[in-house]
Amino acid sequence: MRMRKGQTAMEYLMTYGWAILIIMVVLAVLFYLGVLNPQIPSQCIFPAGISCSTYKISADTGKLTLQIGQGTGKTIRVTGVSCTQNSSASYTTSAFISYSNIGGTASTNVTIPSGSTGFIADPVNGAAGVSNVTCTDTNNLALGTTTIGTQYNGKIYLNYTEVETEVTRVAAGTFTTYFES
């Protein structure tokens, strides 16, 4: 009788042991395939009236390409754009968000009528300031890792003036993307 209890206990342990082993193998395969750790999709979100049409960060340089669409109802003149992981309130009132800080002049400003799109950061075809918009870390320093496929999470600050009223505004957008070639 005692042997029978031992055999039952052993069968019980073996059955559950195999079941646990199979579950562990399935979980390992799911983790390996990335099913349980999905990538966050690229996104660029601004407040109402401004939208991202085209955006990318170049690997190795960290330079931003950004085309926005604007539907504010007024023509705007973009005087600066900044891509950073710095989200402090003081950053939005600073002079960081200006084309003149990155090699541009007043003629660098980009005017976009309502209902239109325009490149406000373009390292290939842009004017002096527009071609120098580089994404930075929380301390406004160059990014350490900019290899292809690395994720970047930050903010894009857009400094613009409504042409008709001369009212200056700063729009802050959230930005998540992956470095590309």
C-alpha atoms as a PDB file:
ATOM      1  CA  MET A   1       0.000   0.000   0.000  1.00  0.00           C
ATOM      2  CA  ARG A   2       2.850   2.323   0.799  1.00  0.00           C
ATOM      3  CA  MET A   3       4.395   1.822  -2.684  1.00  0.00           C
ATOM      4  CA  ARG A   4       1.108   2.811  -4.286  1.00  0.00           C
ATOM      5  CA  LYS A   5       1.069   6.177  -2.488  1.00  0.00           C
ATOM      6  CA  GLY A   6       4.649   6.852  -3.588  1.00  0.00           C
ATOM      7  CA  GLN A   7       3.807   6.011  -7.194  1.00  0.00           C
ATOM      8  CA  THR A   8       0.762   8.301  -7.138  1.00  0.00           C
ATOM      9  CA  ALA A   9       2.810  11.157  -5.703  1.00  0.00           C
ATOM     10  CA  MET A  10       5.527  10.630  -8.309  1.00  0.00           C
ATOM     11  CA  GLU A  11       2.994  10.584 -11.174  1.00  0.00           C
ATOM     12  CA  TYR A  12       1.441  13.760  -9.785  1.00  0.00           C
ATOM     13  CA  LEU A  13       4.824  15.531  -9.666  1.00  0.00           C
ATOM     14  CA  MET A  14       5.808  14.345 -13.156  1.00  0.00           C
ATOM     15  CA  THR A  15       2.505  15.430 -14.719  1.00  0.00           C
ATOM     16  CA  TYR A  16       2.618  18.898 -13.201  1.00  0.00           C
ATOM     17  CA  GLY A  17       6.354  19.153 -13.818  1.00  0.00           C
ATOM     18  CA  TRP A  18       5.853  18.600 -17.552  1.00  0.00           C
ATOM     19  CA  ALA A  19       2.968  21.075 -17.602  1.00  0.00           C
ATOM     20  CA  ILE A  20       5.070  23.750 -15.893  1.00  0.00           C
ATOM     21  CA  LEU A  21       7.986  23.054 -18.244  1.00  0.00           C
ATOM     22  CA  ILE A  22       5.740  23.449 -21.305  1.00  0.00           C
ATOM     23  CA  ILE A  23       4.321  26.721 -19.953  1.00  0.00           C
ATOM     24  CA  MET A  24       7.847  28.042 -19.337  1.00  0.00           C
ATOM     25  CA  VAL A  25       8.930  27.117 -22.888  1.00  0.00           C
ATOM     26  CA  VAL A  26       5.853  28.829 -24.376  1.00  0.00           C
ATOM     27  CA  LEU A  27       6.502  31.990 -22.316  1.00  0.00           C
ATOM     28  CA  ALA A  28      10.171  32.008 -23.354  1.00  0.00           C
ATOM     29  CA  VAL A  29       9.183  31.757 -27.027  1.00  0.00           C
ATOM     30  CA  LEU A  30       6.623  34.570 -26.628  1.00  0.00           C
ATOM     31  CA  PHE A  31       9.210  36.834 -24.979  1.00  0.00           C
ATOM     32  CA  TYR A  32      11.762  35.990 -27.675  1.00  0.00           C
ATOM     33  CA  LEU A  33       9.297  36.856 -30.441  1.00  0.00           C
ATOM     34  CA  GLY A  34       8.363  40.136 -28.727  1.00  0.00           C
ATOM     35  CA  VAL A  35       4.699  39.283 -28.297  1.00  0.00           C
ATOM     36  CA  LEU A  36       4.777  40.111 -24.582  1.00  0.00           C
ATOM     37  CA  ASN A  37       6.936  43.224 -25.106  1.00  0.00           C
ATOM     38  CA  PRO A  38       5.468  45.124 -28.071  1.00  0.00           C
ATOM     39  CA  GLN A  39       7.207  48.208 -29.443  1.00  0.00           C
ATOM     40  CA  ILE A  40       5.551  51.540 -28.869  1.00  0.00           C
ATOM     41  CA  PRO A  41       4.496  52.962 -32.237  1.00  0.00           C
ATOM     42  CA  SER A  42       6.034  56.201 -33.467  1.00  0.00           C
ATOM     43  CA  GLN A  43       3.880  59.218 -32.697  1.00  0.00           C
ATOM     44  CA  CYS A  44       4.026  62.990 -32.840  1.00  0.00           C
ATOM     45  CA  ILE A  45       1.135  64.746 -31.125  1.00  0.00           C
ATOM     46  CA  PHE A  46       0.544  68.504 -30.870  1.00  0.00           C
ATOM     47  CA  PRO A  47      -2.418  70.424 -29.457  1.00  0.00           C
ATOM     48  CA  ALA A  48      -5.383  71.117 -31.739  1.00  0.00           C
ATOM     49  CA  GLY A  49      -4.526  73.193 -34.786  1.00  0.00           C
ATOM     50  CA  ILE A  50      -1.059  71.730 -35.387  1.00  0.00           C
ATOM     51  CA  SER A  51      -0.263  68.243 -36.648  1.00  0.00           C
ATOM     52  CA  CYS A  52       2.838  66.337 -37.704  1.00  0.00           C
ATOM     53  CA  SER A  53       2.820  65.373 -41.376  1.00  0.00           C
ATOM     54  CA  THR A  54       6.331  63.933 -41.692  1.00  0.00           C
ATOM     55  CA  TYR A  55       8.869  63.332 -38.943  1.00  0.00           C
ATOM     56  CA  LYS A  56      12.092  61.428 -38.369  1.00  0.00           C
ATOM     57  CA  ILE A  57      15.342  61.553 -36.399  1.00  0.00           C
ATOM     58  CA  SER A  58      18.518  60.693 -38.283  1.00  0.00           C
ATOM     59  CA  ALA A  59      20.789  58.116 -36.697  1.00  0.00           C
ATOM     60  CA  ASP A  60      24.358  59.220 -35.854  1.00  0.00           C
ATOM     61  CA  THR A  61      23.501  62.964 -36.067  1.00  0.00           C
ATOM     62  CA  GLY A  62      20.244  63.185 -34.102  1.00  0.00           C
ATOM     63  CA  LYS A  63      18.972  65.778 -36.612  1.00  0.00           C
ATOM     64  CA  LEU A  64      15.219  66.233 -36.848  1.00  0.00           C
ATOM     65  CA  THR A  65      13.126  66.249 -40.009  1.00  0.00           C
ATOM     66  CA  LEU A  66       9.678  67.687 -39.285  1.00  0.00           C
ATOM     67  CA  GLN A  67       6.873  68.825 -41.547  1.00  0.00           C
ATOM     68  CA  ILE A  68       3.808  70.200 -39.786  1.00  0.00           C
ATOM     69  CA  GLY A  69       0.296  70.888 -40.926  1.00  0.00           C
ATOM     70  CA  GLN A  70      -1.448  73.809 -39.351  1.00  0.00           C
ATOM     71  CA  GLY A  71      -5.134  74.568 -39.109  1.00  0.00           C
ATOM     72  CA  THR A  72      -5.230  77.355 -36.546  1.00  0.00           C
ATOM     73  CA  GLY A  73      -7.312  79.580 -38.797  1.00  0.00           C
ATOM     74  CA  LYS A  74      -4.477  82.106 -39.068  1.00  0.00           C
ATOM     75  CA  THR A  75      -1.204  82.309 -40.970  1.00  0.00           C
ATOM     76  CA  ILE A  76       1.691  81.537 -38.624  1.00  0.00           C
ATOM     77  CA  ARG A  77       5.393  82.349 -38.758  1.00  0.00           C
ATOM     78  CA  VAL A  78       7.497  79.649 -37.086  1.00  0.00           C
ATOM     79  CA  THR A  79      10.489  81.306 -35.410  1.00  0.00           C
ATOM     80  CA  GLY A  80      11.992  78.216 -33.844  1.00  0.00           C
ATOM     81  CA  VAL A  81      11.628  74.549 -33.075  1.00  0.00           C
ATOM     82  CA  SER A  82      13.316  72.422 -30.452  1.00  0.00           C
ATOM     83  CA  CYS A  83      13.423  68.660 -29.961  1.00  0.00           C
ATOM     84  CA  THR A  84      14.419  67.697 -26.429  1.00  0.00           C
ATOM     85  CA  GLN A  85      13.839  65.360 -23.525  1.00  0.00           C
ATOM     86  CA  ASN A  86      13.814  68.409 -21.215  1.00  0.00           C
ATOM     87  CA  SER A  87      10.234  68.904 -20.032  1.00  0.00           C
ATOM     88  CA  SER A  88      10.746  71.606 -17.396  1.00  0.00           C
ATOM     89  CA  ALA A  89       8.345  74.542 -17.431  1.00  0.00           C
ATOM     90  CA  SER A  90      11.233  77.020 -17.679  1.00  0.00           C
ATOM     91  CA  TYR A  91      12.325  75.483 -20.978  1.00  0.00           C
ATOM     92  CA  THR A  92       9.256  76.760 -22.810  1.00  0.00           C
ATOM     93  CA  THR A  93      10.025  80.370 -21.880  1.00  0.00           C
ATOM     94  CA  SER A  94      13.720  80.190 -22.701  1.00  0.00           C
ATOM     95  CA  ALA A  95      15.552  81.220 -25.820  1.00  0.00           C
ATOM     96  CA  PHE A  96      16.270  77.592 -26.754  1.00  0.00           C
ATOM     97  CA  ILE A  97      13.310  77.600 -29.127  1.00  0.00           C
ATOM     98  CA  SER A  98      14.767  79.875 -31.790  1.00  0.00           C
ATOM     99  CA  TYR A  99      16.328  79.361 -35.197  1.00  0.00           C
ATOM    100  CA  SER A 100      18.860  82.104 -34.400  1.00  0.00           C
ATOM    101  CA  ASN A 101      20.397  79.887 -31.688  1.00  0.00           C
ATOM    102  CA  ILE A 102      21.281  77.227 -34.247  1.00  0.00           C
ATOM    103  CA  GLY A 103      22.767  79.281 -37.062  1.00  0.00           C
ATOM    104  CA  GLY A 104      19.651  80.884 -38.496  1.00  0.00           C
ATOM    105  CA  THR A 105      18.539  84.489 -38.888  1.00  0.00           C
ATOM    106  CA  ALA A 106      15.189  86.279 -38.990  1.00  0.00           C
ATOM    107  CA  SER A 107      14.907  85.317 -42.659  1.00  0.00           C
ATOM    108  CA  THR A 108      15.055  81.655 -41.587  1.00  0.00           C
ATOM    109  CA  ASN A 109      11.526  81.843 -40.147  1.00  0.00           C
ATOM    110  CA  VAL A 110       8.978  79.619 -41.890  1.00  0.00           C
ATOM    111  CA  THR A 111       5.560  81.085 -42.768  1.00  0.00           C
ATOM    112  CA  ILE A 112       2.688  78.595 -43.064  1.00  0.00           C
ATOM    113  CA  PRO A 113      -0.844  79.657 -44.079  1.00  0.00           C
ATOM    114  CA  SER A 114      -3.754  77.946 -42.326  1.00  0.00           C
ATOM    115  CA  GLY A 115      -4.660  74.687 -44.047  1.00  0.00           C
ATOM    116  CA  SER A 116      -1.126  74.198 -45.389  1.00  0.00           C
ATOM    117  CA  THR A 117       1.983  72.253 -44.439  1.00  0.00           C
ATOM    118  CA  GLY A 118       5.601  73.300 -44.169  1.00  0.00           C
ATOM    119  CA  PHE A 119       8.986  71.878 -43.216  1.00  0.00           C
ATOM    120  CA  ILE A 120      10.151  73.525 -40.001  1.00  0.00           C
ATOM    121  CA  ALA A 121      13.139  71.189 -39.584  1.00  0.00           C
ATOM    122  CA  ASP A 122      14.888  69.701 -42.614  1.00  0.00           C
ATOM    123  CA  PRO A 123      18.580  68.721 -42.424  1.00  0.00           C
ATOM    124  CA  VAL A 124      18.791  68.080 -46.179  1.00  0.00           C
ATOM    125  CA  ASN A 125      16.954  70.934 -47.908  1.00  0.00           C
ATOM    126  CA  GLY A 126      16.451  73.497 -45.156  1.00  0.00           C
ATOM    127  CA  ALA A 127      17.896  76.988 -44.718  1.00  0.00           C
ATOM    128  CA  ALA A 128      20.596  77.667 -42.106  1.00  0.00           C
ATOM    129  CA  GLY A 129      18.539  77.319 -38.892  1.00  0.00           C
ATOM    130  CA  VAL A 130      15.982  74.872 -40.253  1.00  0.00           C
ATOM    131  CA  SER A 131      18.747  72.421 -41.205  1.00  0.00           C
ATOM    132  CA  ASN A 132      20.346  72.441 -37.735  1.00  0.00           C
ATOM    133  CA  VAL A 133      17.526  71.241 -35.475  1.00  0.00           C
ATOM    134  CA  THR A 134      19.084  68.463 -33.394  1.00  0.00           C
ATOM    135  CA  CYS A 135      17.303  66.464 -30.696  1.00  0.00           C
ATOM    136  CA  THR A 136      18.875  66.639 -27.237  1.00  0.00           C
ATOM    137  CA  ASP A 137      18.711  64.895 -23.869  1.00  0.00           C
ATOM    138  CA  THR A 138      17.269  66.299 -20.617  1.00  0.00           C
ATOM    139  CA  ASN A 139      20.353  68.513 -20.136  1.00  0.00           C
ATOM    140  CA  ASN A 140      20.157  69.897 -23.695  1.00  0.00           C
ATOM    141  CA  LEU A 141      23.276  67.959 -24.688  1.00  0.00           C
ATOM    142  CA  ALA A 142      23.795  65.834 -27.782  1.00  0.00           C
ATOM    143  CA  LEU A 143      22.299  62.367 -27.530  1.00  0.00           C
ATOM    144  CA  GLY A 144      24.620  59.534 -26.546  1.00  0.00           C
ATOM    145  CA  THR A 145      22.954  56.667 -28.403  1.00  0.00           C
ATOM    146  CA  THR A 146      21.623  57.384 -31.860  1.00  0.00           C
ATOM    147  CA  THR A 147      21.892  54.014 -33.574  1.00  0.00           C
ATOM    148  CA  ILE A 148      19.238  52.888 -36.025  1.00  0.00           C
ATOM    149  CA  GLY A 149      16.245  51.373 -34.235  1.00  0.00           C
ATOM    150  CA  THR A 150      16.896  53.024 -30.856  1.00  0.00           C
ATOM    151  CA  GLN A 151      13.763  54.652 -29.450  1.00  0.00           C
ATOM    152  CA  TYR A 152      13.612  58.383 -28.667  1.00  0.00           C
ATOM    153  CA  ASN A 153      10.978  59.838 -26.322  1.00  0.00           C
ATOM    154  CA  GLY A 154      10.824  63.577 -25.936  1.00  0.00           C
ATOM    155  CA  LYS A 155       9.010  66.791 -26.679  1.00  0.00           C
ATOM    156  CA  ILE A 156       8.947  69.128 -29.624  1.00  0.00           C
ATOM    157  CA  TYR A 157       8.530  72.792 -28.771  1.00  0.00           C
ATOM    158  CA  LEU A 158       7.319  75.028 -31.561  1.00  0.00           C
ATOM    159  CA  ASN A 159       7.707  78.800 -31.222  1.00  0.00           C
ATOM    160  CA  TYR A 160       5.437  80.699 -33.603  1.00  0.00           C
ATOM    161  CA  THR A 161       3.772  84.052 -34.145  1.00  0.00           C
ATOM    162  CA  GLU A 162       0.328  84.632 -35.617  1.00  0.00           C
ATOM    163  CA  VAL A 163       1.088  86.946 -38.552  1.00  0.00           C
ATOM    164  CA  GLU A 164      -2.123  89.016 -38.379  1.00  0.00           C
ATOM    165  CA  THR A 165      -2.087  89.656 -34.615  1.00  0.00           C
ATOM    166  CA  GLU A 166       1.662  89.330 -33.807  1.00  0.00           C
ATOM    167  CA  VAL A 167       0.702  87.111 -30.842  1.00  0.00           C
ATOM    168  CA  THR A 168       3.570  84.752 -29.995  1.00  0.00           C
ATOM    169  CA  ARG A 169       2.837  81.223 -28.818  1.00  0.00           C
ATOM    170  CA  VAL A 170       4.734  78.087 -27.854  1.00  0.00           C
ATOM    171  CA  ALA A 171       3.140  74.747 -28.735  1.00  0.00           C
ATOM    172  CA  ALA A 172       4.484  71.633 -27.021  1.00  0.00           C
ATOM    173  CA  GLY A 173       4.053  68.242 -28.625  1.00  0.00           C
ATOM    174  CA  THR A 174       4.957  64.764 -27.447  1.00  0.00           C
ATOM    175  CA  PHE A 175       7.313  62.833 -29.680  1.00  0.00           C
ATOM    176  CA  THR A 176       8.148  59.130 -29.784  1.00  0.00           C
ATOM    177  CA  THR A 177      10.036  57.643 -32.701  1.00  0.00           C
ATOM    178  CA  TYR A 178      12.963  55.438 -33.673  1.00  0.00           C
ATOM    179  CA  PHE A 179      16.262  56.597 -35.157  1.00  0.00           C
ATOM    180  CA  GLU A 180      16.449  56.027 -38.918  1.00  0.00           C
ATOM    181  CA  SER A 181      19.183  56.235 -41.532  1.00  0.00           C
END
